[in-house]
Amino acid sequence: MPSHPAPSRRTCCRSFLAGREELRAGIAERSPLERIGTPDDIAEVVLFLAGPARWINGQVLYANGGAI
């Protein structure tokens, strides 16, 4: 099942956002949760899919904190 994580503090995003506080703040402001996701946020989605959600299939899960 594919998942589409939003920008988070993963290694790839961390290096892209390094020294760009204005950009990072802008991304966070546009998120309904008003923050950039963490690796733990994505891990919780993975744990959910590996555990109680194992009957879910054929869906796309957007792990993006509600961002559109």
N, C-alpha and C. Protein backbone atom coordinates (compact mmCIF):
# COMPACT_ATOMS: atom_id res chain seq x y z
N MET A 1 0.84 -1.16 0.00
CA MET A 1 0.00 0.00 0.00
C MET A 1 0.90 1.24 0.00
N PRO A 2 0.74 2.10 -0.97
CA PRO A 2 1.58 3.30 -1.00
C PRO A 2 1.17 4.28 0.08
N SER A 3 2.14 5.00 0.56
CA SER A 3 1.84 6.13 1.44
C SER A 3 2.57 7.33 0.86
N HIS A 4 2.05 8.49 1.11
CA HIS A 4 2.63 9.72 0.58
C HIS A 4 2.90 10.68 1.72
N PRO A 5 4.07 10.56 2.34
CA PRO A 5 4.35 11.46 3.46
C PRO A 5 4.62 12.89 2.98
N ALA A 6 4.20 13.82 3.78
CA ALA A 6 4.46 15.24 3.52
C ALA A 6 5.88 15.57 3.97
N PRO A 7 6.31 16.81 3.75
CA PRO A 7 7.64 17.18 4.26
C PRO A 7 7.75 16.89 5.74
N SER A 8 8.84 16.30 6.12
CA SER A 8 9.07 15.99 7.52
C SER A 8 10.54 16.21 7.82
N ARG A 9 10.91 15.96 9.05
CA ARG A 9 12.31 16.15 9.44
C ARG A 9 13.14 14.92 9.10
N ARG A 10 12.86 14.31 7.94
CA ARG A 10 13.68 13.20 7.45
C ARG A 10 15.00 13.78 6.96
N THR A 11 15.96 12.94 6.75
CA THR A 11 17.29 13.38 6.32
C THR A 11 17.22 14.20 5.04
N CYS A 12 16.44 13.75 4.05
CA CYS A 12 16.39 14.47 2.77
C CYS A 12 15.79 15.87 2.94
N CYS A 13 14.73 15.98 3.72
CA CYS A 13 14.11 17.29 3.93
C CYS A 13 14.94 18.16 4.85
N ARG A 14 15.57 17.54 5.83
CA ARG A 14 16.39 18.30 6.79
C ARG A 14 17.50 19.03 6.06
N SER A 15 18.18 18.35 5.13
CA SER A 15 19.28 19.00 4.41
C SER A 15 18.74 20.08 3.47
N PHE A 16 17.58 19.84 2.87
CA PHE A 16 16.98 20.84 1.97
C PHE A 16 16.57 22.09 2.74
N LEU A 17 16.07 21.92 3.96
CA LEU A 17 15.58 23.05 4.74
C LEU A 17 16.65 23.69 5.61
N ALA A 18 17.85 23.12 5.65
CA ALA A 18 18.92 23.66 6.49
C ALA A 18 19.22 25.10 6.11
N GLY A 19 19.17 25.97 7.10
CA GLY A 19 19.48 27.38 6.87
C GLY A 19 18.37 28.14 6.16
N ARG A 20 17.22 27.54 5.98
CA ARG A 20 16.11 28.18 5.28
C ARG A 20 14.91 28.28 6.24
N GLU A 21 15.11 28.97 7.33
CA GLU A 21 14.08 29.06 8.37
C GLU A 21 12.78 29.66 7.85
N GLU A 22 12.87 30.62 6.97
CA GLU A 22 11.65 31.25 6.43
C GLU A 22 10.84 30.23 5.62
N LEU A 23 11.52 29.43 4.82
CA LEU A 23 10.84 28.39 4.05
C LEU A 23 10.24 27.34 4.98
N ARG A 24 11.02 26.89 5.97
CA ARG A 24 10.54 25.90 6.92
C ARG A 24 9.30 26.41 7.67
N ALA A 25 9.36 27.65 8.10
CA ALA A 25 8.23 28.25 8.81
C ALA A 25 6.99 28.35 7.91
N GLY A 26 7.22 28.69 6.65
CA GLY A 26 6.10 28.78 5.70
C GLY A 26 5.43 27.44 5.48
N ILE A 27 6.24 26.39 5.37
CA ILE A 27 5.68 25.05 5.20
C ILE A 27 4.88 24.67 6.44
N ALA A 28 5.44 24.92 7.61
CA ALA A 28 4.76 24.59 8.86
C ALA A 28 3.45 25.37 9.00
N GLU A 29 3.44 26.64 8.64
CA GLU A 29 2.24 27.47 8.75
C GLU A 29 1.11 26.96 7.88
N ARG A 30 1.44 26.38 6.72
CA ARG A 30 0.42 25.89 5.80
C ARG A 30 -0.14 24.53 6.21
N SER A 31 0.45 23.91 7.19
CA SER A 31 -0.04 22.62 7.68
C SER A 31 -1.13 22.86 8.71
N PRO A 32 -2.23 22.10 8.65
CA PRO A 32 -3.27 22.27 9.66
C PRO A 32 -2.75 22.06 11.09
N LEU A 33 -1.70 21.28 11.27
CA LEU A 33 -1.13 21.06 12.59
C LEU A 33 -0.07 22.11 12.93
N GLU A 34 0.22 22.99 11.98
CA GLU A 34 1.17 24.10 12.13
C GLU A 34 2.56 23.63 12.57
N ARG A 35 2.98 22.51 12.01
CA ARG A 35 4.33 22.04 12.26
C ARG A 35 4.73 21.09 11.14
N ILE A 36 6.01 20.86 11.03
CA ILE A 36 6.52 19.89 10.07
C ILE A 36 6.55 18.54 10.77
N GLY A 37 6.16 17.52 10.04
CA GLY A 37 6.10 16.18 10.61
C GLY A 37 7.47 15.67 11.04
N THR A 38 7.44 14.68 11.91
CA THR A 38 8.67 14.07 12.40
C THR A 38 8.74 12.63 11.91
N PRO A 39 9.92 12.02 11.95
CA PRO A 39 10.01 10.60 11.61
C PRO A 39 9.07 9.75 12.47
N ASP A 40 8.85 10.15 13.72
CA ASP A 40 7.92 9.41 14.58
C ASP A 40 6.49 9.47 14.04
N ASP A 41 6.10 10.59 13.43
CA ASP A 41 4.77 10.70 12.84
C ASP A 41 4.59 9.65 11.74
N ILE A 42 5.59 9.49 10.91
CA ILE A 42 5.53 8.50 9.82
C ILE A 42 5.59 7.09 10.40
N ALA A 43 6.41 6.88 11.42
CA ALA A 43 6.51 5.56 12.04
C ALA A 43 5.18 5.12 12.62
N GLU A 44 4.41 6.04 13.19
CA GLU A 44 3.11 5.68 13.73
C GLU A 44 2.17 5.19 12.64
N VAL A 45 2.25 5.79 11.46
CA VAL A 45 1.43 5.34 10.34
C VAL A 45 1.84 3.94 9.92
N VAL A 46 3.14 3.70 9.83
CA VAL A 46 3.64 2.37 9.45
C VAL A 46 3.21 1.33 10.47
N LEU A 47 3.33 1.65 11.75
CA LEU A 47 2.90 0.70 12.80
C LEU A 47 1.40 0.42 12.72
N PHE A 48 0.62 1.43 12.43
CA PHE A 48 -0.82 1.24 12.27
C PHE A 48 -1.10 0.28 11.11
N LEU A 49 -0.44 0.51 9.99
CA LEU A 49 -0.67 -0.34 8.82
C LEU A 49 -0.18 -1.77 9.04
N ALA A 50 0.87 -1.92 9.83
CA ALA A 50 1.41 -3.26 10.10
C ALA A 50 0.61 -3.99 11.18
N GLY A 51 -0.19 -3.26 11.93
CA GLY A 51 -0.92 -3.87 13.04
C GLY A 51 -2.41 -3.97 12.77
N PRO A 52 -3.19 -3.13 13.43
CA PRO A 52 -4.64 -3.27 13.37
C PRO A 52 -5.24 -2.98 11.99
N ALA A 53 -4.49 -2.38 11.10
CA ALA A 53 -5.03 -2.02 9.79
C ALA A 53 -4.68 -3.02 8.70
N ARG A 54 -4.24 -4.21 9.08
CA ARG A 54 -3.78 -5.16 8.06
C ARG A 54 -4.89 -5.59 7.11
N TRP A 55 -6.14 -5.32 7.40
CA TRP A 55 -7.24 -5.67 6.52
C TRP A 55 -7.47 -4.59 5.46
N ILE A 56 -6.86 -3.43 5.62
CA ILE A 56 -6.96 -2.34 4.65
C ILE A 56 -6.06 -2.68 3.47
N ASN A 57 -6.59 -2.54 2.26
CA ASN A 57 -5.75 -2.74 1.08
C ASN A 57 -6.31 -1.92 -0.08
N GLY A 58 -5.45 -1.66 -1.06
CA GLY A 58 -5.87 -0.92 -2.24
C GLY A 58 -6.16 0.54 -1.99
N GLN A 59 -5.58 1.11 -0.98
CA GLN A 59 -5.83 2.51 -0.63
C GLN A 59 -4.52 3.30 -0.67
N VAL A 60 -4.64 4.58 -0.87
CA VAL A 60 -3.49 5.48 -0.74
C VAL A 60 -3.67 6.25 0.55
N LEU A 61 -2.68 6.19 1.39
CA LEU A 61 -2.76 6.87 2.68
C LEU A 61 -1.83 8.08 2.64
N TYR A 62 -2.40 9.24 2.83
CA TYR A 62 -1.61 10.47 2.82
C TYR A 62 -1.24 10.80 4.25
N ALA A 63 0.01 10.55 4.60
CA ALA A 63 0.52 10.86 5.94
C ALA A 63 1.11 12.26 5.90
N ASN A 64 0.22 13.25 5.95
CA ASN A 64 0.67 14.62 5.72
C ASN A 64 0.14 15.62 6.74
N GLY A 65 -0.38 15.13 7.85
CA GLY A 65 -0.86 16.04 8.88
C GLY A 65 -2.06 16.87 8.45
N GLY A 66 -2.77 16.46 7.42
CA GLY A 66 -3.95 17.18 6.96
C GLY A 66 -3.68 18.19 5.88
N ALA A 67 -2.43 18.32 5.43
CA ALA A 67 -2.10 19.28 4.37
C ALA A 67 -2.76 18.86 3.06
N ILE A 68 -3.18 19.84 2.31
CA ILE A 68 -3.82 19.57 1.01
C ILE A 68 -2.84 19.82 -0.09
